C-alpha atoms as a PDB file:
ATOM      1  CA  TYR A   1      -3.304   5.875  -9.182  1.00  0.00           C
ATOM      2  CA  VAL A   2      -4.019   5.395 -12.722  1.00  0.00           C
ATOM      3  CA  ASP A   3      -1.426   3.832 -15.755  1.00  0.00           C
ATOM      4  CA  ILE A   4      -1.246   6.115 -19.039  1.00  0.00           C
ATOM      5  CA  SER A   5       0.310   3.227 -20.984  1.00  0.00           C
ATOM      6  CA  SER A   6       1.870   3.639 -24.445  1.00  0.00           C
ATOM      7  CA  SER A   7       2.796   1.013 -26.552  1.00  0.00           C
ATOM      8  CA  ALA A   8       6.401   1.460 -25.247  1.00  0.00           C
ATOM      9  CA  VAL A   9       5.925   2.805 -21.458  1.00  0.00           C
ATOM     10  CA  THR A  10       3.327   3.119 -18.138  1.00  0.00           C
ATOM     11  CA  VAL A  11       3.259   5.941 -16.090  1.00  0.00           C
ATOM     12  CA  ARG A  12       1.428   5.543 -13.466  1.00  0.00           C
ATOM     13  CA  ALA A  13      -0.314   9.391 -12.433  1.00  0.00           C
ATOM     14  CA  PRO A  14      -1.828  10.257  -9.062  1.00  0.00           C
ATOM     15  CA  ILE A  15      -5.348  11.049  -9.179  1.00  0.00           C
ATOM     16  CA  GLY A  16      -5.334  12.175  -5.576  1.00  0.00           C
ATOM     17  CA  ASN A  17      -6.633   8.772  -3.755  1.00  0.00           C
ATOM     18  CA  ALA A  18      -6.525   8.918   0.663  1.00  0.00           C
ATOM     19  CA  LEU A  19      -5.086   6.343   1.809  1.00  0.00           C
ATOM     20  CA  THR A  20      -7.972   4.652   4.705  1.00  0.00           C
ATOM     21  CA  PRO A  21      -6.451   4.477   8.193  1.00  0.00           C
ATOM     22  CA  LYS A  22      -6.809   0.244   7.610  1.00  0.00           C
ATOM     23  CA  GLU A  23      -4.666   0.436   4.278  1.00  0.00           C
ATOM     24  CA  ILE A  24      -2.411   2.681   6.613  1.00  0.00           C
ATOM     25  CA  GLN A  25      -2.098  -0.058   9.576  1.00  0.00           C
ATOM     26  CA  ILE A  26      -1.308  -2.370   6.676  1.00  0.00           C
ATOM     27  CA  GLY A  27       0.978  -0.198   5.189  1.00  0.00           C
ATOM     28  CA  ILE A  28       2.956  -0.097   8.198  1.00  0.00           C
ATOM     29  CA  LEU A  29       2.352  -4.218   8.922  1.00  0.00           C
ATOM     30  CA  VAL A  30       4.435  -4.797   5.889  1.00  0.00           C
ATOM     31  CA  ARG A  31       6.893  -1.955   6.472  1.00  0.00           C
ATOM     32  CA  ARG A  32       7.660  -4.451   9.288  1.00  0.00           C
ATOM     33  CA  CYS A  33       7.929  -7.003   6.723  1.00  0.00           C
ATOM     34  CA  LEU A  34       4.907  -8.775   8.752  1.00  0.00           C
ATOM     35  CA  ARG A  35       3.767 -11.657   5.922  1.00  0.00           C
ATOM     36  CA  ASN A  36      -0.107 -11.359   4.851  1.00  0.00           C
ATOM     37  CA  ARG A  37      -1.157 -13.752   7.038  1.00  0.00           C
ATOM     38  CA  ASP A  38       0.440 -12.940  10.033  1.00  0.00           C
ATOM     39  CA  ILE A  39      -1.389  -9.349   9.161  1.00  0.00           C
ATOM     40  CA  ALA A  40      -4.615 -10.798   8.478  1.00  0.00           C
ATOM     41  CA  GLU A  41      -4.038 -12.580  12.432  1.00  0.00           C
ATOM     42  CA  THR A  42      -2.529  -9.057  14.194  1.00  0.00           C
ATOM     43  CA  MET A  43      -6.133  -6.849  12.185  1.00  0.00           C
ATOM     44  CA  GLY A  44      -8.169  -9.842  12.908  1.00  0.00           C
ATOM     45  CA  ILE A  45      -9.474  -9.515   9.011  1.00  0.00           C
ATOM     46  CA  SER A  46      -8.528 -12.218   5.792  1.00  0.00           C
ATOM     47  CA  GLU A  47      -5.582 -12.992   4.520  1.00  0.00           C
ATOM     48  CA  GLN A  48      -7.424 -11.855   1.231  1.00  0.00           C
ATOM     49  CA  ASP A  49      -8.281  -8.989   2.068  1.00  0.00           C
ATOM     50  CA  VAL A  50      -4.693  -8.020   3.402  1.00  0.00           C
ATOM     51  CA  LYS A  51      -4.059  -9.213  -0.387  1.00  0.00           C
ATOM     52  CA  ASN A  52      -6.749  -6.827  -1.627  1.00  0.00           C
ATOM     53  CA  ARG A  53      -6.058  -3.958   0.450  1.00  0.00           C
ATOM     54  CA  LEU A  54      -2.309  -4.230  -0.347  1.00  0.00           C
ATOM     55  CA  ARG A  55      -3.617  -3.962  -3.543  1.00  0.00           C
ATOM     56  CA  GLY A  56      -5.121  -0.763  -3.340  1.00  0.00           C
ATOM     57  CA  ILE A  57      -2.374   0.564  -1.778  1.00  0.00           C
ATOM     58  CA  PHE A  58      -0.200  -0.322  -4.632  1.00  0.00           C
ATOM     59  CA  ASP A  59      -2.310   1.307  -6.792  1.00  0.00           C
ATOM     60  CA  LYS A  60      -2.713   4.795  -4.845  1.00  0.00           C
ATOM     61  CA  VAL A  61       0.576   4.869  -3.772  1.00  0.00           C
ATOM     62  CA  GLY A  62       2.666   3.949  -7.338  1.00  0.00           C
ATOM     63  CA  VAL A  63       4.412   1.046  -6.311  1.00  0.00           C
ATOM     64  CA  TRP A  64       4.996  -2.234  -8.049  1.00  0.00           C
ATOM     65  CA  SER A  65       6.163  -4.820  -4.485  1.00  0.00           C
ATOM     66  CA  ARG A  66       6.431  -4.907  -0.843  1.00  0.00           C
ATOM     67  CA  VAL A  67       9.464  -3.470  -1.049  1.00  0.00           C
ATOM     68  CA  GLU A  68       8.947  -0.547  -3.088  1.00  0.00           C
ATOM     69  CA  LEU A  69       6.035   0.431  -0.369  1.00  0.00           C
ATOM     70  CA  ALA A  70       8.634  -0.193   2.105  1.00  0.00           C
ATOM     71  CA  MET A  71      11.060   2.233   0.589  1.00  0.00           C
ATOM     72  CA  HIS A  72       8.201   5.085   0.623  1.00  0.00           C
ATOM     73  CA  ILE A  73       6.911   4.350   4.077  1.00  0.00           C
ATOM     74  CA  VAL A  74      10.535   5.003   4.868  1.00  0.00           C
ATOM     75  CA  GLU A  75      10.859   8.076   2.547  1.00  0.00           C
ATOM     76  CA  HIS A  76       7.080   9.593   3.294  1.00  0.00           C
ATOM     77  CA  PRO A  77       6.577   9.339   6.901  1.00  0.00           C
ATOM     78  CA  GLU A  78       3.544  11.832   6.998  1.00  0.00           C
ATOM     79  CA  ARG A  79       1.516  10.033   4.835  1.00  0.00           C
ATOM     80  CA  TRP A  80       1.448   6.983   6.576  1.00  0.00           C
ATOM     81  CA  ARG A  81       0.719   8.188  10.096  1.00  0.00           C
ATOM     82  CA  PRO A  82      -1.914   6.955  11.832  1.00  0.00           C
ATOM     83  CA  ARG A  83      -5.384   9.636  11.890  1.00  0.00           C
ATOM     84  CA  THR A  84      -6.701   9.515  15.213  1.00  0.00           C
END
């Protein structure tokens, strides 16, 4: 997503970025209400890596918070199915 800003409004417009398998896994774990620390331990990555990847997920999906991300996952489950 790209921010298109004016003096009064910011709109996030899609640019077609697909989620990676790790981003899908992180999103699913966020949906399960896991904290960044717990996600990091579950995935064997650093907590900072989780934070960085969450920012990327937020940008790709067009959300601003973990709550919005969880709602997006509920509303669009087809986008969050792990790839085989």
